[in-house]
Amino acid sequence: MKKNTMKKFFTSLAVLILALSACSEKPLSNVPEPYMTGQKTYIRVCGICHGDNLKGNGAAPSFLIETYQSESFSDQQIRNTIINGSKSKVMRPQRGKVSDSEIEEIIKYIRFLQKESGLM
C-alpha cells in the first residue's frame, strides 16, 4: 500500500514539474551576437528571479517597466545593485560571483531588450 502511494506521489510531482517548466518562458533565441554574452550571463546570474527575458517571474520585478528605464535607473544603479544587492535587501549581493566585464554585458543585454520592447 505504501509503495503505491509513494509511486502516485512521485508521478504527480513529476507531472507538476513538467507542467511548470513547460509554462516558463524560454530565452529569446534571436538575440544579436553583440548581446549573446550578456544574455547568457544575465540568465545565469539574474534570470532565475527576474525572468530570462526581463519580464520578472514573481520573485523579482520586470526590467521592462518605466522604473528601470535608463532615465530613471542608471547603468551605475544597476551595477551597484548587482554588486551590493537591493536597498530592500530582497536581492542579495552578487559581489565575487560576477566580474565587472560580466556586469557590463548584463547591462548591455538589459538595455537592448528594453529598447526592443519600446521602453527606450
C-alpha atoms as a PDB file:
ATOM      1  CA  MET A   1       0.000   0.000   0.000  1.00  0.00           C
ATOM      2  CA  LYS A   2       2.780   2.455   0.898  1.00  0.00           C
ATOM      3  CA  LYS A   3       4.685   1.708  -2.324  1.00  0.00           C
ATOM      4  CA  ASN A   4       1.610   2.509  -4.397  1.00  0.00           C
ATOM      5  CA  THR A   5       1.037   5.788  -2.525  1.00  0.00           C
ATOM      6  CA  MET A   6       4.678   6.821  -2.941  1.00  0.00           C
ATOM      7  CA  LYS A   7       4.588   5.928  -6.632  1.00  0.00           C
ATOM      8  CA  LYS A   8       1.470   8.080  -7.137  1.00  0.00           C
ATOM      9  CA  PHE A   9       3.066  10.931  -5.217  1.00  0.00           C
ATOM     10  CA  PHE A  10       6.281  10.921  -7.268  1.00  0.00           C
ATOM     11  CA  THR A  11       4.362  10.523 -10.524  1.00  0.00           C
ATOM     12  CA  SER A  12       2.191  13.517  -9.607  1.00  0.00           C
ATOM     13  CA  LEU A  13       5.240  15.508  -8.612  1.00  0.00           C
ATOM     14  CA  ALA A  14       6.972  14.731 -11.917  1.00  0.00           C
ATOM     15  CA  VAL A  15       3.874  15.787 -13.874  1.00  0.00           C
ATOM     16  CA  LEU A  16       3.665  19.034 -11.903  1.00  0.00           C
ATOM     17  CA  ILE A  17       7.346  19.839 -12.514  1.00  0.00           C
ATOM     18  CA  LEU A  18       6.977  19.149 -16.235  1.00  0.00           C
ATOM     19  CA  ALA A  19       3.855  21.315 -16.434  1.00  0.00           C
ATOM     20  CA  LEU A  20       5.520  24.207 -14.630  1.00  0.00           C
ATOM     21  CA  SER A  21       8.673  24.027 -16.729  1.00  0.00           C
ATOM     22  CA  ALA A  22       6.615  23.974 -19.916  1.00  0.00           C
ATOM     23  CA  CYS A  23       4.955  27.209 -18.812  1.00  0.00           C
ATOM     24  CA  SER A  24       8.205  29.004 -18.116  1.00  0.00           C
ATOM     25  CA  GLU A  25       9.294  31.445 -20.744  1.00  0.00           C
ATOM     26  CA  LYS A  26      12.223  30.401 -22.877  1.00  0.00           C
ATOM     27  CA  PRO A  27      15.077  32.847 -23.509  1.00  0.00           C
ATOM     28  CA  LEU A  28      14.990  34.736 -26.785  1.00  0.00           C
ATOM     29  CA  SER A  29      16.860  32.804 -29.426  1.00  0.00           C
ATOM     30  CA  ASN A  30      17.241  35.683 -31.874  1.00  0.00           C
ATOM     31  CA  VAL A  31      19.439  37.962 -29.789  1.00  0.00           C
ATOM     32  CA  PRO A  32      22.080  39.639 -31.982  1.00  0.00           C
ATOM     33  CA  GLU A  33      25.646  38.443 -31.446  1.00  0.00           C
ATOM     34  CA  PRO A  34      26.820  41.565 -29.536  1.00  0.00           C
ATOM     35  CA  TYR A  35      24.274  40.758 -26.793  1.00  0.00           C
ATOM     36  CA  MET A  36      24.664  36.971 -26.551  1.00  0.00           C
ATOM     37  CA  THR A  37      27.321  37.035 -23.828  1.00  0.00           C
ATOM     38  CA  GLY A  38      25.140  39.393 -21.816  1.00  0.00           C
ATOM     39  CA  GLN A  39      22.130  37.148 -22.327  1.00  0.00           C
ATOM     40  CA  LYS A  40      23.980  34.038 -21.128  1.00  0.00           C
ATOM     41  CA  THR A  41      25.392  35.853 -18.111  1.00  0.00           C
ATOM     42  CA  TYR A  42      22.036  37.503 -17.308  1.00  0.00           C
ATOM     43  CA  ILE A  43      20.260  34.136 -17.434  1.00  0.00           C
ATOM     44  CA  ARG A  44      22.874  32.586 -15.124  1.00  0.00           C
ATOM     45  CA  VAL A  45      23.006  35.462 -12.618  1.00  0.00           C
ATOM     46  CA  CYS A  46      19.640  37.256 -12.853  1.00  0.00           C
ATOM     47  CA  GLY A  47      17.189  35.134 -14.814  1.00  0.00           C
ATOM     48  CA  ILE A  48      16.038  32.879 -12.000  1.00  0.00           C
ATOM     49  CA  CYS A  49      14.416  35.848 -10.244  1.00  0.00           C
ATOM     50  CA  HIS A  50      13.969  38.475 -12.973  1.00  0.00           C
ATOM     51  CA  GLY A  51      12.985  36.035 -15.738  1.00  0.00           C
ATOM     52  CA  ASP A  52      15.126  35.091 -18.723  1.00  0.00           C
ATOM     53  CA  ASN A  53      13.566  37.818 -20.885  1.00  0.00           C
ATOM     54  CA  LEU A  54      13.468  40.525 -18.184  1.00  0.00           C
ATOM     55  CA  LYS A  55       9.730  40.101 -17.580  1.00  0.00           C
ATOM     56  CA  GLY A  56      10.085  39.095 -13.937  1.00  0.00           C
ATOM     57  CA  ASN A  57       8.682  35.896 -12.525  1.00  0.00           C
ATOM     58  CA  GLY A  58       7.125  36.903  -9.244  1.00  0.00           C
ATOM     59  CA  ALA A  59      10.343  36.672  -7.242  1.00  0.00           C
ATOM     60  CA  ALA A  60      11.703  39.956  -8.634  1.00  0.00           C
ATOM     61  CA  PRO A  61      10.362  42.763 -10.801  1.00  0.00           C
ATOM     62  CA  SER A  62      10.440  43.000 -14.556  1.00  0.00           C
ATOM     63  CA  PHE A  63      13.076  45.254 -16.106  1.00  0.00           C
ATOM     64  CA  LEU A  64      10.552  46.086 -18.829  1.00  0.00           C
ATOM     65  CA  ILE A  65       8.773  48.784 -16.855  1.00  0.00           C
ATOM     66  CA  GLU A  66       9.408  52.520 -16.737  1.00  0.00           C
ATOM     67  CA  THR A  67      11.004  52.323 -13.283  1.00  0.00           C
ATOM     68  CA  TYR A  68      14.067  50.634 -14.792  1.00  0.00           C
ATOM     69  CA  GLN A  69      14.481  52.796 -17.900  1.00  0.00           C
ATOM     70  CA  SER A  70      17.919  54.367 -18.178  1.00  0.00           C
ATOM     71  CA  GLU A  71      16.463  57.810 -17.399  1.00  0.00           C
ATOM     72  CA  SER A  72      15.165  56.673 -14.005  1.00  0.00           C
ATOM     73  CA  PHE A  73      17.508  53.776 -13.163  1.00  0.00           C
ATOM     74  CA  SER A  74      21.025  54.355 -14.454  1.00  0.00           C
ATOM     75  CA  ASP A  75      23.575  51.786 -15.548  1.00  0.00           C
ATOM     76  CA  GLN A  76      25.533  52.673 -12.411  1.00  0.00           C
ATOM     77  CA  GLN A  77      22.483  51.898 -10.257  1.00  0.00           C
ATOM     78  CA  ILE A  78      22.148  48.507 -11.941  1.00  0.00           C
ATOM     79  CA  ARG A  79      25.870  47.874 -11.381  1.00  0.00           C
ATOM     80  CA  ASN A  80      25.639  48.882  -7.702  1.00  0.00           C
ATOM     81  CA  THR A  81      22.563  46.727  -7.159  1.00  0.00           C
ATOM     82  CA  ILE A  82      24.213  43.681  -8.715  1.00  0.00           C
ATOM     83  CA  ILE A  83      27.325  44.146  -6.586  1.00  0.00           C
ATOM     84  CA  ASN A  84      25.718  45.234  -3.288  1.00  0.00           C
ATOM     85  CA  GLY A  85      22.187  43.847  -3.501  1.00  0.00           C
ATOM     86  CA  SER A  86      18.989  45.864  -3.394  1.00  0.00           C
ATOM     87  CA  LYS A  87      18.295  48.545  -0.802  1.00  0.00           C
ATOM     88  CA  SER A  88      15.332  46.472   0.381  1.00  0.00           C
ATOM     89  CA  LYS A  89      17.729  43.539   0.964  1.00  0.00           C
ATOM     90  CA  VAL A  90      15.451  41.271  -1.102  1.00  0.00           C
ATOM     91  CA  MET A  91      18.149  40.876  -3.739  1.00  0.00           C
ATOM     92  CA  ARG A  92      21.346  39.527  -2.287  1.00  0.00           C
ATOM     93  CA  PRO A  93      24.745  40.964  -3.272  1.00  0.00           C
ATOM     94  CA  GLN A  94      26.444  39.234  -6.182  1.00  0.00           C
ATOM     95  CA  ARG A  95      29.901  40.594  -5.282  1.00  0.00           C
ATOM     96  CA  GLY A  96      32.518  37.992  -6.121  1.00  0.00           C
ATOM     97  CA  LYS A  97      30.061  35.939  -8.184  1.00  0.00           C
ATOM     98  CA  VAL A  98      30.185  38.111 -11.286  1.00  0.00           C
ATOM     99  CA  SER A  99      33.042  40.097 -12.827  1.00  0.00           C
ATOM    100  CA  ASP A 100      32.990  43.755 -13.877  1.00  0.00           C
ATOM    101  CA  SER A 101      33.004  42.744 -17.541  1.00  0.00           C
ATOM    102  CA  GLU A 102      30.096  40.347 -16.943  1.00  0.00           C
ATOM    103  CA  ILE A 103      28.136  43.151 -15.265  1.00  0.00           C
ATOM    104  CA  GLU A 104      28.765  45.361 -18.306  1.00  0.00           C
ATOM    105  CA  GLU A 105      27.436  42.603 -20.575  1.00  0.00           C
ATOM    106  CA  ILE A 106      24.353  42.157 -18.356  1.00  0.00           C
ATOM    107  CA  ILE A 107      23.620  45.883 -18.532  1.00  0.00           C
ATOM    108  CA  LYS A 108      24.102  45.886 -22.310  1.00  0.00           C
ATOM    109  CA  TYR A 109      21.617  42.994 -22.619  1.00  0.00           C
ATOM    110  CA  ILE A 110      19.066  44.684 -20.330  1.00  0.00           C
ATOM    111  CA  ARG A 111      19.231  47.946 -22.294  1.00  0.00           C
ATOM    112  CA  PHE A 112      18.973  46.056 -25.603  1.00  0.00           C
ATOM    113  CA  LEU A 113      15.773  44.262 -24.563  1.00  0.00           C
ATOM    114  CA  GLN A 114      14.343  47.470 -23.130  1.00  0.00           C
ATOM    115  CA  LYS A 115      14.932  49.157 -26.478  1.00  0.00           C
ATOM    116  CA  GLU A 116      13.444  46.189 -28.339  1.00  0.00           C
ATOM    117  CA  SER A 117      10.327  46.367 -26.157  1.00  0.00           C
ATOM    118  CA  GLY A 118       9.904  50.088 -26.889  1.00  0.00           C
ATOM    119  CA  LEU A 119      10.937  51.410 -23.478  1.00  0.00           C
ATOM    120  CA  MET A 120      13.905  53.417 -24.732  1.00  0.00           C
END
